[in-house]
PDB file of N, CA and C in Angstrom:
ATOM      1  N   MET A   1     -15.506  26.364  -0.523  1.00  0.00           N
ATOM      2  CA  MET A   1     -15.422  25.031   0.007  1.00  0.00           C
ATOM      3  C   MET A   1     -13.968  24.762   0.424  1.00  0.00           C
ATOM      4  N   PRO A   2     -13.739  24.284   1.641  1.00  0.00           N
ATOM      5  CA  PRO A   2     -12.366  24.041   2.087  1.00  0.00           C
ATOM      6  C   PRO A   2     -11.734  22.852   1.360  1.00  0.00           C
ATOM      7  N   VAL A   3     -10.424  22.899   1.238  1.00  0.00           N
ATOM      8  CA  VAL A   3      -9.676  21.844   0.559  1.00  0.00           C
ATOM      9  C   VAL A   3      -9.338  20.754   1.569  1.00  0.00           C
ATOM     10  N   ASP A   4      -9.613  19.501   1.210  1.00  0.00           N
ATOM     11  CA  ASP A   4      -9.301  18.370   2.068  1.00  0.00           C
ATOM     12  C   ASP A   4      -7.863  17.933   1.790  1.00  0.00           C
ATOM     13  N   ARG A   5      -6.928  18.389   2.624  1.00  0.00           N
ATOM     14  CA  ARG A   5      -5.506  18.082   2.421  1.00  0.00           C
ATOM     15  C   ARG A   5      -5.150  16.665   2.882  1.00  0.00           C
ATOM     16  N   THR A   6      -6.099  15.932   3.469  1.00  0.00           N
ATOM     17  CA  THR A   6      -5.836  14.566   3.903  1.00  0.00           C
ATOM     18  C   THR A   6      -6.279  13.535   2.873  1.00  0.00           C
ATOM     19  N   LYS A   7      -7.000  13.980   1.845  1.00  0.00           N
ATOM     20  CA  LYS A   7      -7.463  13.073   0.800  1.00  0.00           C
ATOM     21  C   LYS A   7      -6.281  12.521   0.034  1.00  0.00           C
ATOM     22  N   PRO A   8      -6.198  11.199  -0.125  1.00  0.00           N
ATOM     23  CA  PRO A   8      -5.069  10.636  -0.878  1.00  0.00           C
ATOM     24  C   PRO A   8      -5.228  10.868  -2.375  1.00  0.00           C
ATOM     25  N   ALA A   9      -4.129  10.782  -3.088  1.00  0.00           N
ATOM     26  CA  ALA A   9      -4.161  10.905  -4.548  1.00  0.00           C
ATOM     27  C   ALA A   9      -4.927   9.717  -5.127  1.00  0.00           C
ATOM     28  N   ARG A  10      -5.635   9.946  -6.200  1.00  0.00           N
ATOM     29  CA  ARG A  10      -6.436   8.894  -6.842  1.00  0.00           C
ATOM     30  C   ARG A  10      -5.559   7.868  -7.565  1.00  0.00           C
ATOM     31  N   TYR A  11      -4.434   8.309  -8.115  1.00  0.00           N
ATOM     32  CA  TYR A  11      -3.529   7.438  -8.851  1.00  0.00           C
ATOM     33  C   TYR A  11      -2.141   7.508  -8.228  1.00  0.00           C
ATOM     34  N   LYS A  12      -1.332   6.486  -8.468  1.00  0.00           N
ATOM     35  CA  LYS A  12       0.051   6.485  -8.007  1.00  0.00           C
ATOM     36  C   LYS A  12       0.956   6.163  -9.195  1.00  0.00           C
ATOM     37  N   PRO A  13       2.255   6.466  -9.080  1.00  0.00           N
ATOM     38  CA  PRO A  13       3.157   6.177 -10.203  1.00  0.00           C
ATOM     39  C   PRO A  13       3.038   4.723 -10.651  1.00  0.00           C
ATOM     40  N   GLY A  14       3.008   4.541 -11.970  1.00  0.00           N
ATOM     41  CA  GLY A  14       2.859   3.213 -12.551  1.00  0.00           C
ATOM     42  C   GLY A  14       1.438   2.874 -12.940  1.00  0.00           C
ATOM     43  N   ASP A  15       0.443   3.611 -12.373  1.00  0.00           N
ATOM     44  CA  ASP A  15      -0.961   3.378 -12.728  1.00  0.00           C
ATOM     45  C   ASP A  15      -1.236   3.829 -14.149  1.00  0.00           C
ATOM     46  N   ARG A  16      -2.304   3.299 -14.715  1.00  0.00           N
ATOM     47  CA  ARG A  16      -2.764   3.727 -16.041  1.00  0.00           C
ATOM     48  C   ARG A  16      -4.084   4.467 -15.872  1.00  0.00           C
ATOM     49  N   ALA A  17      -4.282   5.475 -16.693  1.00  0.00           N
ATOM     50  CA  ALA A  17      -5.518   6.263 -16.698  1.00  0.00           C
ATOM     51  C   ALA A  17      -5.728   6.727 -18.129  1.00  0.00           C
ATOM     52  N   ALA A  18      -6.632   7.679 -18.320  1.00  0.00           N
ATOM     53  CA  ALA A  18      -6.878   8.246 -19.645  1.00  0.00           C
ATOM     54  C   ALA A  18      -7.154   9.729 -19.484  1.00  0.00           C
ATOM     55  N   LEU A  19      -6.795  10.505 -20.513  1.00  0.00           N
ATOM     56  CA  LEU A  19      -7.144  11.927 -20.512  1.00  0.00           C
ATOM     57  C   LEU A  19      -8.645  12.043 -20.715  1.00  0.00           C
ATOM     58  N   LYS A  20      -9.291  12.822 -19.886  1.00  0.00           N
ATOM     59  CA  LYS A  20     -10.743  12.957 -19.964  1.00  0.00           C
ATOM     60  C   LYS A  20     -11.179  13.571 -21.292  1.00  0.00           C
ATOM     61  N   ALA A  21     -10.438  14.547 -21.785  1.00  0.00           N
ATOM     62  CA  ALA A  21     -10.843  15.277 -22.997  1.00  0.00           C
ATOM     63  C   ALA A  21     -10.731  14.438 -24.263  1.00  0.00           C
ATOM     64  N   THR A  22      -9.666  13.621 -24.365  1.00  0.00           N
ATOM     65  CA  THR A  22      -9.415  12.901 -25.624  1.00  0.00           C
ATOM     66  C   THR A  22      -9.529  11.391 -25.500  1.00  0.00           C
ATOM     67  N   GLY A  23      -9.496  10.885 -24.276  1.00  0.00           N
ATOM     68  CA  GLY A  23      -9.548   9.441 -24.059  1.00  0.00           C
ATOM     69  C   GLY A  23      -8.214   8.751 -24.285  1.00  0.00           C
ATOM     70  N   GLN A  24      -7.148   9.516 -24.567  1.00  0.00           N
ATOM     71  CA  GLN A  24      -5.835   8.899 -24.799  1.00  0.00           C
ATOM     72  C   GLN A  24      -5.333   8.239 -23.523  1.00  0.00           C
ATOM     73  N   PRO A  25      -4.796   7.016 -23.621  1.00  0.00           N
ATOM     74  CA  PRO A  25      -4.254   6.358 -22.435  1.00  0.00           C
ATOM     75  C   PRO A  25      -2.963   7.021 -21.981  1.00  0.00           C
ATOM     76  N   VAL A  26      -2.771   7.064 -20.658  1.00  0.00           N
ATOM     77  CA  VAL A  26      -1.564   7.628 -20.073  1.00  0.00           C
ATOM     78  C   VAL A  26      -1.044   6.713 -18.981  1.00  0.00           C
ATOM     79  N   GLU A  27       0.242   6.824 -18.711  1.00  0.00           N
ATOM     80  CA  GLU A  27       0.873   6.158 -17.577  1.00  0.00           C
ATOM     81  C   GLU A  27       1.294   7.241 -16.596  1.00  0.00           C
ATOM     82  N   ILE A  28       0.965   7.072 -15.315  1.00  0.00           N
ATOM     83  CA  ILE A  28       1.322   8.049 -14.288  1.00  0.00           C
ATOM     84  C   ILE A  28       2.804   7.910 -13.965  1.00  0.00           C
ATOM     85  N   LEU A  29       3.559   9.011 -14.081  1.00  0.00           N
ATOM     86  CA  LEU A  29       4.985   9.011 -13.791  1.00  0.00           C
ATOM     87  C   LEU A  29       5.287   9.572 -12.413  1.00  0.00           C
ATOM     88  N   ASP A  30       4.556  10.613 -11.996  1.00  0.00           N
ATOM     89  CA  ASP A  30       4.840  11.302 -10.736  1.00  0.00           C
ATOM     90  C   ASP A  30       3.567  11.970 -10.240  1.00  0.00           C
ATOM     91  N   VAL A  31       3.455  12.113  -8.925  1.00  0.00           N
ATOM     92  CA  VAL A  31       2.289  12.745  -8.312  1.00  0.00           C
ATOM     93  C   VAL A  31       2.773  13.811  -7.349  1.00  0.00           C
ATOM     94  N   ARG A  32       2.156  15.006  -7.399  1.00  0.00           N
ATOM     95  CA  ARG A  32       2.490  16.053  -6.424  1.00  0.00           C
ATOM     96  C   ARG A  32       1.226  16.847  -6.092  1.00  0.00           C
ATOM     97  N   ARG A  33       1.271  17.506  -4.968  1.00  0.00           N
ATOM     98  CA  ARG A  33       0.156  18.351  -4.540  1.00  0.00           C
ATOM     99  C   ARG A  33       0.257  19.681  -5.275  1.00  0.00           C
ATOM    100  N   ALA A  34      -0.840  20.146  -5.822  1.00  0.00           N
ATOM    101  CA  ALA A  34      -0.841  21.407  -6.555  1.00  0.00           C
ATOM    102  C   ALA A  34      -0.732  22.587  -5.596  1.00  0.00           C
ATOM    103  N   GLU A  35      -0.115  23.672  -6.060  1.00  0.00           N
ATOM    104  CA  GLU A  35       0.029  24.867  -5.229  1.00  0.00           C
ATOM    105  C   GLU A  35      -1.199  25.758  -5.309  1.00  0.00           C
ATOM    106  N   PHE A  36      -1.734  25.954  -6.496  1.00  0.00           N
ATOM    107  CA  PHE A  36      -2.761  26.974  -6.684  1.00  0.00           C
ATOM    108  C   PHE A  36      -4.143  26.422  -6.977  1.00  0.00           C
ATOM    109  N   ILE A  37      -4.267  25.106  -7.103  1.00  0.00           N
ATOM    110  CA  ILE A  37      -5.581  24.504  -7.298  1.00  0.00           C
ATOM    111  C   ILE A  37      -5.758  23.412  -6.247  1.00  0.00           C
ATOM    112  N   PRO A  38      -6.974  23.151  -5.794  1.00  0.00           N
ATOM    113  CA  PRO A  38      -7.193  22.160  -4.741  1.00  0.00           C
ATOM    114  C   PRO A  38      -7.208  20.736  -5.285  1.00  0.00           C
ATOM    115  N   ASP A  39      -6.104  20.309  -5.851  1.00  0.00           N
ATOM    116  CA  ASP A  39      -6.081  19.018  -6.524  1.00  0.00           C
ATOM    117  C   ASP A  39      -4.639  18.512  -6.576  1.00  0.00           C
ATOM    118  N   PHE A  40      -4.472  17.269  -6.954  1.00  0.00           N
ATOM    119  CA  PHE A  40      -3.148  16.732  -7.219  1.00  0.00           C
ATOM    120  C   PHE A  40      -2.811  17.001  -8.687  1.00  0.00           C
ATOM    121  N   VAL A  41      -1.518  17.108  -8.965  1.00  0.00           N
ATOM    122  CA  VAL A  41      -1.057  17.256 -10.340  1.00  0.00           C
ATOM    123  C   VAL A  41      -0.221  16.027 -10.654  1.00  0.00           C
ATOM    124  N   TYR A  42      -0.485  15.456 -11.818  1.00  0.00           N
ATOM    125  CA  TYR A  42       0.189  14.233 -12.235  1.00  0.00           C
ATOM    126  C   TYR A  42       1.071  14.504 -13.443  1.00  0.00           C
ATOM    127  N   LYS A  43       2.306  14.019 -13.370  1.00  0.00           N
ATOM    128  CA  LYS A  43       3.156  14.007 -14.562  1.00  0.00           C
ATOM    129  C   LYS A  43       2.850  12.685 -15.232  1.00  0.00           C
ATOM    130  N   VAL A  44       2.412  12.745 -16.471  1.00  0.00           N
ATOM    131  CA  VAL A  44       1.989  11.529 -17.172  1.00  0.00           C
ATOM    132  C   VAL A  44       2.740  11.387 -18.488  1.00  0.00           C
ATOM    133  N   ARG A  45       2.815  10.167 -18.965  1.00  0.00           N
ATOM    134  CA  ARG A  45       3.342   9.889 -20.310  1.00  0.00           C
ATOM    135  C   ARG A  45       2.145   9.479 -21.137  1.00  0.00           C
ATOM    136  N   VAL A  46       1.852  10.276 -22.171  1.00  0.00           N
ATOM    137  CA  VAL A  46       0.758   9.959 -23.076  1.00  0.00           C
ATOM    138  C   VAL A  46       1.232   8.840 -23.988  1.00  0.00           C
ATOM    139  N   LEU A  47       0.507   7.737 -23.977  1.00  0.00           N
ATOM    140  CA  LEU A  47       0.919   6.546 -24.716  1.00  0.00           C
ATOM    141  C   LEU A  47       0.342   6.611 -26.125  1.00  0.00           C
ATOM    142  N   ALA A  48       0.987   7.406 -26.956  1.00  0.00           N
ATOM    143  CA  ALA A  48       0.525   7.618 -28.331  1.00  0.00           C
ATOM    144  C   ALA A  48       0.780   6.378 -29.179  1.00  0.00           C
ATOM    145  N   GLU A  49      -0.081   6.168 -30.143  1.00  0.00           N
ATOM    146  CA  GLU A  49       0.084   5.040 -31.064  1.00  0.00           C
ATOM    147  C   GLU A  49       1.045   5.430 -32.178  1.00  0.00           C
ATOM    148  N   LYS A  50       1.757   4.457 -32.696  1.00  0.00           N
ATOM    149  CA  LYS A  50       2.685   4.703 -33.803  1.00  0.00           C
ATOM    150  C   LYS A  50       1.903   5.207 -35.014  1.00  0.00           C
ATOM    151  N   PRO A  51       2.390   6.105 -35.779  1.00  0.00           N
ATOM    152  CA  PRO A  51       3.763   6.590 -35.835  1.00  0.00           C
ATOM    153  C   PRO A  51       4.063   7.734 -34.873  1.00  0.00           C
ATOM    154  N   ALA A  52       3.069   8.194 -34.114  1.00  0.00           N
ATOM    155  CA  ALA A  52       3.332   9.247 -33.131  1.00  0.00           C
ATOM    156  C   ALA A  52       4.213   8.694 -32.014  1.00  0.00           C
ATOM    157  N   ARG A  53       4.912   9.593 -31.333  1.00  0.00           N
ATOM    158  CA  ARG A  53       5.775   9.182 -30.233  1.00  0.00           C
ATOM    159  C   ARG A  53       5.142   9.561 -28.908  1.00  0.00           C
ATOM    160  N   PRO A  54       5.359   8.756 -27.853  1.00  0.00           N
ATOM    161  CA  PRO A  54       4.851   9.118 -26.524  1.00  0.00           C
ATOM    162  C   PRO A  54       5.460  10.452 -26.080  1.00  0.00           C
ATOM    163  N   TYR A  55       4.730  11.190 -25.249  1.00  0.00           N
ATOM    164  CA  TYR A  55       5.252  12.451 -24.736  1.00  0.00           C
ATOM    165  C   TYR A  55       4.743  12.653 -23.315  1.00  0.00           C
ATOM    166  N   ASN A  56       5.459  13.475 -22.553  1.00  0.00           N
ATOM    167  CA  ASN A  56       5.108  13.742 -21.162  1.00  0.00           C
ATOM    168  C   ASN A  56       4.273  15.011 -21.063  1.00  0.00           C
ATOM    169  N   LEU A  57       3.417  15.043 -20.039  1.00  0.00           N
ATOM    170  CA  LEU A  57       2.484  16.145 -19.850  1.00  0.00           C
ATOM    171  C   LEU A  57       2.172  16.209 -18.360  1.00  0.00           C
ATOM    172  N   SER A  58       1.912  17.392 -17.816  1.00  0.00           N
ATOM    173  CA  SER A  58       1.440  17.526 -16.437  1.00  0.00           C
ATOM    174  C   SER A  58      -0.027  17.924 -16.487  1.00  0.00           C
ATOM    175  N   VAL A  59      -0.873  17.187 -15.750  1.00  0.00           N
ATOM    176  CA  VAL A  59      -2.312  17.456 -15.751  1.00  0.00           C
ATOM    177  C   VAL A  59      -2.872  17.359 -14.337  1.00  0.00           C
ATOM    178  N   PRO A  60      -3.889  18.164 -14.011  1.00  0.00           N
ATOM    179  CA  PRO A  60      -4.543  18.032 -12.709  1.00  0.00           C
ATOM    180  C   PRO A  60      -5.414  16.783 -12.674  1.00  0.00           C
ATOM    181  N   GLU A  61      -5.680  16.311 -11.461  1.00  0.00           N
ATOM    182  CA  GLU A  61      -6.449  15.077 -11.277  1.00  0.00           C
ATOM    183  C   GLU A  61      -7.811  15.126 -11.967  1.00  0.00           C
ATOM    184  N   HIS A  62      -8.463  16.287 -11.970  1.00  0.00           N
ATOM    185  CA  HIS A  62      -9.804  16.358 -12.556  1.00  0.00           C
ATOM    186  C   HIS A  62      -9.806  16.239 -14.076  1.00  0.00           C
ATOM    187  N   ASP A  63      -8.623  16.213 -14.710  1.00  0.00           N
ATOM    188  CA  ASP A  63      -8.545  16.013 -16.162  1.00  0.00           C
ATOM    189  C   ASP A  63      -8.248  14.563 -16.538  1.00  0.00           C
ATOM    190  N   LEU A  64      -8.240  13.656 -15.530  1.00  0.00           N
ATOM    191  CA  LEU A  64      -7.994  12.240 -15.782  1.00  0.00           C
ATOM    192  C   LEU A  64      -9.229  11.418 -15.451  1.00  0.00           C
ATOM    193  N   LYS A  65      -9.347  10.275 -16.110  1.00  0.00           N
ATOM    194  CA  LYS A  65     -10.415   9.327 -15.798  1.00  0.00           C
ATOM    195  C   LYS A  65      -9.823   7.935 -15.809  1.00  0.00           C
ATOM    196  N   ASP A  66     -10.511   6.982 -15.195  1.00  0.00           N
ATOM    197  CA  ASP A  66     -10.024   5.609 -15.164  1.00  0.00           C
ATOM    198  C   ASP A  66      -9.951   5.063 -16.579  1.00  0.00           C
ATOM    199  N   ALA A  67      -8.915   4.273 -16.825  1.00  0.00           N
ATOM    200  CA  ALA A  67      -8.714   3.685 -18.163  1.00  0.00           C
ATOM    201  C   ALA A  67      -9.715   2.599 -18.444  1.00  0.00           C
TER     202      ALA A  67
END
């Protein structure tokens, strides 16, 4: 299946989403086009609850869901 390079990213910096696997809320920090997968890659900050600390992670678009 060909990759649609004109499709816009689903989220933009500042948006909120959740990790599909765990449901943890995240804030989108940066968006870039992936090199080896037909998807966008998002740098996100996982908004962990105290006493855990927030941390950054890069995930493909298909691993995120709407918050």
